[in-house]
Amino acid sequence: MIKIKSTTEVTIKDIARKANVSYATVSRALNNKRGVREATRAKILELSAEMFYTPNAIARGLVKKQTLTLGLIIPDITNPFYPEVARGIEDGATEGGFSIFLCNTNWEREKEVHYLRLLAEKRVDGIILAPIDNEVEAVESSLAGKIPVVYVSNAPHRTQHSFVVIDNVLGGFLATEHLIQAGHRTIGFVGSTEDSLTIAGRLKGYHRALKKHGLPVEKKYTQLGEFKQETGYRIVRRMIAERDYPRAIFAENDLLALGILQGVKASGLSVPGDVAVVGFDDIPFAGFPEVQLTTINQPKYEMGRRAVETLLEQIGGSAGAQSVQIRQIYLKPKLVVRKSSV
């Protein structure tokens, strides 16, 4: 005989009436607590299955003052970098008994603000945020003391909140010094216009490597735009058309670098013969045989895991705000050499 699930929501009161026991006994049995005879527990569990009982997460959250949900806000779900970070966050959250609300801002500040406020209204227990730029802290600070926030991948300057990022200065230095050691003397930088630790750190590393090797910083070879593949393509095509382009380029991320590779080849030039290219992130596309992009590897999954571990630690200590420790974690980058630069 096939059982049809009732459209009426079953509560523990319904189970209690059916089992002829108290509400408290049903609650203890369902939550595997002591004080219930095994025969009674078995009967209650059998009835809950037969009646298709499901716990009310909202009601439970009101009692425990937790919803067991986290918010994750990222700027670009189409960038292959972020899904791997999100996977690390989701795995860590699941192990901790939490679920994730994923929000994609598409690099739009209005959406970022909207999602921060929406997640606060949903009473999430914490938020992991990959911010667009430095401006988000003004909005996020309004949540201070209410919802723990941890930044991942990027963070505002001088933030007082926990974050997990790559050592961008070291990454920028490694990328640029690699090009210098490959024999290049005119090296450009293509990045985003956003004001954040990411752009500032990678640009600083680029400048540091040039200075170490006695090379000038030529402003005309620093080109900024959106954090997207088409931006890299457009910038390098313009520089080549004007016949004033560097013979090597360090791109702030792999999507920009992929656009640069396409732009160089569309202009009738070769990589790395005419223009060498180094990216940053080491997304899966970077290692494809037809791409072979030299890049800076970020431990993306580890970054996500460390971010959610930090957030759960803060949620656990948020009852006593003085005990919550702010953690600012810098992960180590690694240079991965492929054919686009040598």
Protein backbone atom coordinates (compact mmCIF):
# COMPACT_ATOMS: atom_id res chain seq x y z
CA MET A 1 0.00 0.00 0.00
CA ILE A 2 1.41 3.39 -1.05
CA LYS A 3 1.34 6.10 1.63
CA ILE A 4 0.36 9.56 0.47
CA LYS A 5 1.95 12.47 2.30
CA SER A 6 -0.60 14.78 3.91
CA THR A 7 -0.62 18.39 2.77
CA THR A 8 -1.18 19.44 6.42
CA GLU A 9 2.02 20.12 8.35
CA VAL A 10 2.54 17.57 11.11
CA THR A 11 3.71 18.87 14.49
CA ILE A 12 5.05 17.16 17.60
CA LYS A 13 1.63 17.76 19.15
CA ASP A 14 0.07 15.52 16.50
CA ILE A 15 2.62 12.80 17.23
CA ALA A 16 2.09 13.18 20.98
CA ARG A 17 -1.68 12.71 20.61
CA LYS A 18 -1.20 9.68 18.38
CA ALA A 19 1.34 8.10 20.76
CA ASN A 20 -0.60 9.14 23.86
CA VAL A 21 2.47 10.77 25.45
CA SER A 22 3.45 14.32 26.39
CA TYR A 23 4.90 16.88 23.99
CA ALA A 24 8.13 16.86 26.02
CA THR A 25 8.48 13.09 25.59
CA VAL A 26 8.16 13.42 21.82
CA SER A 27 10.71 16.23 21.77
CA ARG A 28 13.20 14.22 23.82
CA ALA A 29 12.72 11.15 21.63
CA LEU A 30 13.16 13.04 18.37
CA ASN A 31 16.26 14.81 19.65
CA ASN A 32 17.75 11.55 20.99
CA LYS A 33 17.82 12.75 24.58
CA ARG A 34 17.69 10.65 27.71
CA GLY A 35 14.59 10.12 29.82
CA VAL A 36 12.55 8.14 27.26
CA ARG A 37 12.00 4.39 27.39
CA GLU A 38 13.36 2.60 24.33
CA ALA A 39 9.97 1.12 23.44
CA THR A 40 8.38 4.58 23.61
CA ARG A 41 11.21 6.12 21.60
CA ALA A 42 10.84 3.45 18.89
CA LYS A 43 7.08 4.03 18.73
CA ILE A 44 7.53 7.81 18.41
CA LEU A 45 10.17 7.48 15.68
CA GLU A 46 7.94 5.06 13.77
CA LEU A 47 4.97 7.43 14.01
CA SER A 48 7.07 10.42 12.93
CA ALA A 49 8.10 8.53 9.79
CA GLU A 50 4.57 7.35 9.04
CA MET A 51 3.19 10.87 9.50
CA PHE A 52 6.03 12.46 7.43
CA TYR A 53 7.05 14.70 10.30
CA THR A 54 9.78 17.25 9.50
CA PRO A 55 11.28 19.59 12.12
CA ASN A 56 10.32 23.25 11.86
CA ALA A 57 13.67 24.98 11.40
CA ILE A 58 12.21 28.43 12.06
CA ALA A 59 10.64 27.38 15.35
CA ARG A 60 13.82 25.60 16.37
CA GLY A 61 15.81 28.70 15.53
CA LEU A 62 13.60 30.83 17.75
CA VAL A 63 14.18 28.49 20.65
CA LYS A 64 17.93 28.11 20.15
CA LYS A 65 18.43 31.67 18.86
CA GLN A 66 20.17 30.19 15.84
CA THR A 67 18.92 29.45 12.34
CA LEU A 68 21.92 27.23 11.46
CA THR A 69 22.25 29.17 8.21
CA LEU A 70 25.13 31.21 6.79
CA GLY A 71 25.19 33.76 3.98
CA LEU A 72 27.84 33.70 1.25
CA ILE A 73 28.12 36.75 -1.00
CA ILE A 74 30.42 36.57 -4.04
CA PRO A 75 30.89 39.04 -6.90
CA ASP A 76 30.94 36.73 -9.93
CA ILE A 77 29.63 33.17 -10.02
CA THR A 78 30.84 32.85 -13.65
CA ASN A 79 34.48 33.30 -12.56
CA PRO A 80 35.84 29.75 -12.05
CA PHE A 81 37.79 30.97 -9.02
CA TYR A 82 34.73 31.39 -6.78
CA PRO A 83 33.02 27.96 -7.10
CA GLU A 84 36.10 26.28 -5.62
CA VAL A 85 36.14 28.75 -2.72
CA ALA A 86 32.40 28.17 -2.26
CA ARG A 87 32.93 24.39 -2.22
CA GLY A 88 35.37 24.73 0.66
CA ILE A 89 32.89 26.94 2.51
CA GLU A 90 29.97 24.59 1.90
CA ASP A 91 31.90 21.50 3.01
CA GLY A 92 32.99 23.20 6.21
CA ALA A 93 29.52 24.56 6.88
CA THR A 94 27.88 21.17 6.33
CA GLU A 95 30.27 19.50 8.74
CA GLY A 96 29.34 22.15 11.29
CA GLY A 97 25.61 21.56 10.78
CA PHE A 98 24.96 24.76 8.83
CA SER A 99 23.35 25.45 5.46
CA ILE A 100 24.43 28.15 2.97
CA PHE A 101 22.51 30.92 1.20
CA LEU A 102 24.54 31.82 -1.91
CA CYS A 103 24.24 35.37 -3.30
CA ASN A 104 25.89 36.65 -6.51
CA THR A 105 26.36 40.43 -6.85
CA ASN A 106 27.67 40.50 -10.45
CA TRP A 107 30.08 43.28 -9.34
CA GLU A 108 27.12 45.58 -8.55
CA ARG A 109 27.31 47.56 -5.31
CA GLU A 110 23.53 47.88 -5.04
CA LYS A 111 23.21 44.08 -5.06
CA GLU A 112 25.93 43.73 -2.46
CA VAL A 113 24.13 46.12 -0.13
CA HIS A 114 20.78 44.45 -0.88
CA TYR A 115 22.09 40.97 -0.04
CA LEU A 116 23.76 42.11 3.17
CA ARG A 117 20.48 43.55 4.38
CA LEU A 118 18.44 40.59 3.11
CA LEU A 119 20.64 38.07 4.91
CA ALA A 120 20.36 40.14 8.09
CA GLU A 121 16.56 40.03 7.74
CA LYS A 122 16.74 36.26 7.26
CA ARG A 123 18.55 36.07 10.61
CA VAL A 124 21.51 34.12 9.27
CA ASP A 125 24.02 33.27 11.98
CA GLY A 126 26.96 34.68 10.03
CA ILE A 127 28.07 36.04 6.65
CA ILE A 128 31.09 35.25 4.49
CA LEU A 129 31.67 38.08 2.05
CA ALA A 130 33.97 38.39 -0.98
CA PRO A 131 33.57 42.18 -1.30
CA ILE A 132 33.64 44.16 -4.50
CA ASP A 133 35.84 46.89 -3.04
CA ASN A 134 36.66 49.01 -0.02
CA GLU A 135 33.25 50.72 0.19
CA VAL A 136 31.36 47.74 1.57
CA GLU A 137 32.62 48.21 5.12
CA ALA A 138 30.42 51.27 5.62
CA VAL A 139 27.36 49.07 5.07
CA GLU A 140 28.75 45.98 6.76
CA SER A 141 29.71 47.96 9.86
CA SER A 142 26.03 48.59 10.53
CA LEU A 143 25.77 44.86 11.25
CA ALA A 144 28.63 44.93 13.75
CA GLY A 145 27.68 43.25 16.98
CA LYS A 146 24.63 41.65 15.35
CA ILE A 147 25.97 39.21 12.76
CA PRO A 148 29.57 37.95 12.58
CA VAL A 149 31.19 38.73 9.22
CA VAL A 150 34.32 37.18 7.69
CA TYR A 151 35.82 38.43 4.44
CA VAL A 152 37.21 35.92 1.95
CA SER A 153 39.54 36.42 -1.04
CA ASN A 154 39.39 40.19 -0.66
CA ALA A 155 38.91 42.69 2.16
CA PRO A 156 38.60 46.44 2.70
CA HIS A 157 41.70 48.39 3.74
CA ARG A 158 42.33 48.55 7.49
CA THR A 159 39.28 46.43 8.29
CA GLN A 160 38.70 45.40 11.90
CA HIS A 161 37.01 42.15 10.86
CA SER A 162 38.42 38.70 10.24
CA PHE A 163 39.49 37.79 6.74
CA VAL A 164 41.17 35.00 4.79
CA VAL A 165 43.11 36.16 1.73
CA ILE A 166 46.17 35.27 -0.28
CA ASP A 167 49.42 37.17 0.31
CA ASN A 168 48.80 39.44 -2.66
CA VAL A 169 52.04 41.38 -2.32
CA LEU A 170 54.11 38.19 -2.47
CA GLY A 171 51.99 36.89 -5.36
CA GLY A 172 52.49 40.07 -7.37
CA PHE A 173 56.20 39.99 -6.65
CA LEU A 174 56.58 36.34 -7.73
CA ALA A 175 54.69 36.94 -10.99
CA THR A 176 56.69 40.02 -11.94
CA GLU A 177 60.08 38.66 -10.92
CA HIS A 178 59.43 35.54 -13.00
CA LEU A 179 58.95 37.73 -16.08
CA ILE A 180 62.11 39.71 -15.26
CA GLN A 181 64.12 36.51 -14.85
CA ALA A 182 62.77 35.37 -18.22
CA GLY A 183 64.60 38.36 -19.73
CA HIS A 184 61.79 40.94 -20.06
CA ARG A 185 62.47 44.60 -19.35
CA THR A 186 59.14 46.22 -20.26
CA ILE A 187 56.45 44.64 -18.10
CA GLY A 188 52.87 45.88 -17.91
CA PHE A 189 50.20 45.43 -15.27
CA VAL A 190 46.52 44.97 -16.15
CA GLY A 191 44.09 45.06 -13.25
CA SER A 192 40.78 46.29 -11.92
CA THR A 193 39.75 49.78 -10.88
CA GLU A 194 38.30 48.55 -7.58
CA ASP A 195 39.84 49.87 -4.35
CA SER A 196 40.71 46.87 -2.17
CA LEU A 197 43.48 44.81 -0.62
CA THR A 198 43.65 42.67 -3.76
CA ILE A 199 44.52 45.34 -6.31
CA ALA A 200 46.70 47.28 -3.86
CA GLY A 201 48.66 44.20 -2.83
CA ARG A 202 49.29 42.80 -6.31
CA LEU A 203 50.25 46.22 -7.64
CA LYS A 204 52.62 46.70 -4.70
CA GLY A 205 54.27 43.35 -5.41
CA TYR A 206 54.64 44.32 -9.08
CA HIS A 207 56.32 47.62 -8.14
CA ARG A 208 58.54 45.89 -5.56
CA ALA A 209 59.91 43.42 -8.12
CA LEU A 210 60.62 46.15 -10.67
CA LYS A 211 62.43 48.22 -8.05
CA LYS A 212 64.49 45.26 -6.84
CA HIS A 213 65.80 44.68 -10.36
CA GLY A 214 66.35 48.34 -11.18
CA LEU A 215 63.52 48.65 -13.70
CA PRO A 216 61.34 51.77 -13.98
CA VAL A 217 57.61 51.82 -13.24
CA GLU A 218 56.08 53.19 -16.44
CA LYS A 219 52.57 54.46 -15.76
CA LYS A 220 51.49 53.98 -19.38
CA TYR A 221 51.92 50.24 -18.91
CA THR A 222 49.56 50.08 -15.94
CA GLN A 223 46.06 49.69 -17.34
CA LEU A 224 42.92 49.26 -15.23
CA GLY A 225 39.33 48.30 -16.00
CA GLU A 226 36.68 45.76 -15.03
CA PHE A 227 37.64 42.41 -13.53
CA LYS A 228 36.56 40.54 -16.68
CA GLN A 229 38.00 38.68 -19.64
CA GLU A 230 36.80 41.20 -22.22
CA THR A 231 38.67 43.95 -20.35
CA GLY A 232 42.01 42.21 -20.85
CA TYR A 233 41.22 41.65 -24.52
CA ARG A 234 40.24 45.28 -25.12
CA ILE A 235 43.23 46.77 -23.28
CA VAL A 236 45.91 44.72 -25.04
CA ARG A 237 44.32 45.20 -28.46
CA ARG A 238 44.38 48.96 -27.95
CA MET A 239 48.02 49.00 -26.80
CA ILE A 240 49.14 46.86 -29.73
CA ALA A 241 47.17 48.99 -32.21
CA GLU A 242 48.96 52.08 -30.84
CA ARG A 243 52.30 50.27 -31.31
CA ASP A 244 53.29 50.98 -27.72
CA TYR A 245 52.93 47.84 -25.70
CA PRO A 246 55.05 46.00 -23.10
CA ARG A 247 56.69 42.74 -24.06
CA ALA A 248 55.32 41.06 -20.92
CA ILE A 249 52.15 41.56 -18.90
CA PHE A 250 51.17 40.57 -15.38
CA ALA A 251 47.37 40.35 -15.14
CA GLU A 252 45.61 40.75 -11.80
CA ASN A 253 43.51 37.63 -12.37
CA ASP A 254 43.29 34.73 -14.81
CA LEU A 255 40.17 36.01 -16.59
CA LEU A 256 42.00 39.23 -17.49
CA ALA A 257 45.00 37.12 -18.56
CA LEU A 258 42.83 34.92 -20.81
CA GLY A 259 41.50 38.06 -22.48
CA ILE A 260 45.06 39.28 -22.99
CA LEU A 261 46.06 35.97 -24.59
CA GLN A 262 43.13 36.25 -26.99
CA GLY A 263 43.90 39.88 -27.76
CA VAL A 264 47.56 39.24 -28.52
CA LYS A 265 46.74 36.41 -30.88
CA ALA A 266 43.90 38.37 -32.53
CA SER A 267 46.44 41.12 -33.25
CA GLY A 268 48.62 38.69 -35.19
CA LEU A 269 51.26 38.35 -32.47
CA SER A 270 52.42 35.31 -30.55
CA VAL A 271 52.54 34.30 -26.89
CA PRO A 272 55.15 34.29 -25.42
CA GLY A 273 57.28 35.24 -28.43
CA ASP A 274 55.93 38.79 -28.76
CA VAL A 275 54.11 39.19 -25.44
CA ALA A 276 54.59 36.97 -22.37
CA VAL A 277 51.64 36.71 -19.97
CA VAL A 278 51.25 35.76 -16.31
CA GLY A 279 47.89 35.58 -14.53
CA PHE A 280 46.73 35.12 -10.94
CA ASP A 281 44.38 32.49 -9.40
CA ASP A 282 45.20 29.27 -11.33
CA ILE A 283 41.63 28.57 -12.40
CA PRO A 284 41.05 25.24 -14.22
CA PHE A 285 41.17 26.89 -17.68
CA ALA A 286 44.75 28.03 -17.02
CA GLY A 287 46.10 24.50 -17.38
CA PHE A 288 44.21 23.57 -20.56
CA PRO A 289 46.61 22.44 -23.36
CA GLU A 290 45.50 25.24 -25.67
CA VAL A 291 45.96 27.87 -22.94
CA GLN A 292 48.98 26.89 -20.79
CA LEU A 293 48.85 30.08 -18.73
CA THR A 294 51.61 30.80 -16.24
CA THR A 295 49.87 31.99 -13.10
CA ILE A 296 49.93 32.41 -9.35
CA ASN A 297 48.14 29.57 -7.61
CA GLN A 298 45.73 30.36 -4.80
CA PRO A 299 44.66 27.49 -2.50
CA LYS A 300 41.01 28.24 -3.23
CA TYR A 301 39.39 25.33 -1.42
CA GLU A 302 41.57 25.87 1.66
CA MET A 303 40.67 29.56 1.58
CA GLY A 304 36.97 28.67 1.76
CA ARG A 305 37.51 26.14 4.55
CA ARG A 306 39.56 28.56 6.63
CA ALA A 307 36.95 31.30 6.14
CA VAL A 308 34.03 29.17 7.35
CA GLU A 309 36.06 27.77 10.25
CA THR A 310 36.85 31.33 11.31
CA LEU A 311 33.19 32.32 11.02
CA LEU A 312 31.93 29.33 13.01
CA GLU A 313 34.49 30.09 15.68
CA GLN A 314 33.13 33.63 15.91
CA ILE A 315 29.52 32.41 16.00
CA GLY A 316 30.44 30.09 18.84
CA GLY A 317 31.99 32.97 20.77
CA SER A 318 29.51 35.67 19.83
CA ALA A 319 27.55 35.19 23.05
CA GLY A 320 30.49 36.82 24.82
CA ALA A 321 31.70 39.46 22.37
CA GLN A 322 34.90 40.04 24.34
CA SER A 323 36.01 36.46 23.68
CA VAL A 324 35.70 36.63 19.89
CA GLN A 325 39.17 36.71 18.35
CA ILE A 326 39.69 38.60 15.11
CA ARG A 327 41.77 36.55 12.69
CA GLN A 328 43.46 38.03 9.63
CA ILE A 329 44.86 35.09 7.67
CA TYR A 330 47.23 35.36 4.71
CA LEU A 331 47.69 32.17 2.69
CA LYS A 332 50.87 31.58 0.70
CA PRO A 333 50.77 31.86 -3.13
CA LYS A 334 52.76 29.64 -5.49
CA LEU A 335 54.08 30.38 -8.98
CA VAL A 336 52.97 27.82 -11.59
CA VAL A 337 55.07 28.14 -14.77
CA ARG A 338 53.51 27.20 -18.10
CA LYS A 339 54.09 28.10 -21.77
CA SER A 340 52.57 31.59 -21.79
CA SER A 341 55.71 33.09 -20.25
CA VAL A 342 58.65 30.91 -21.30
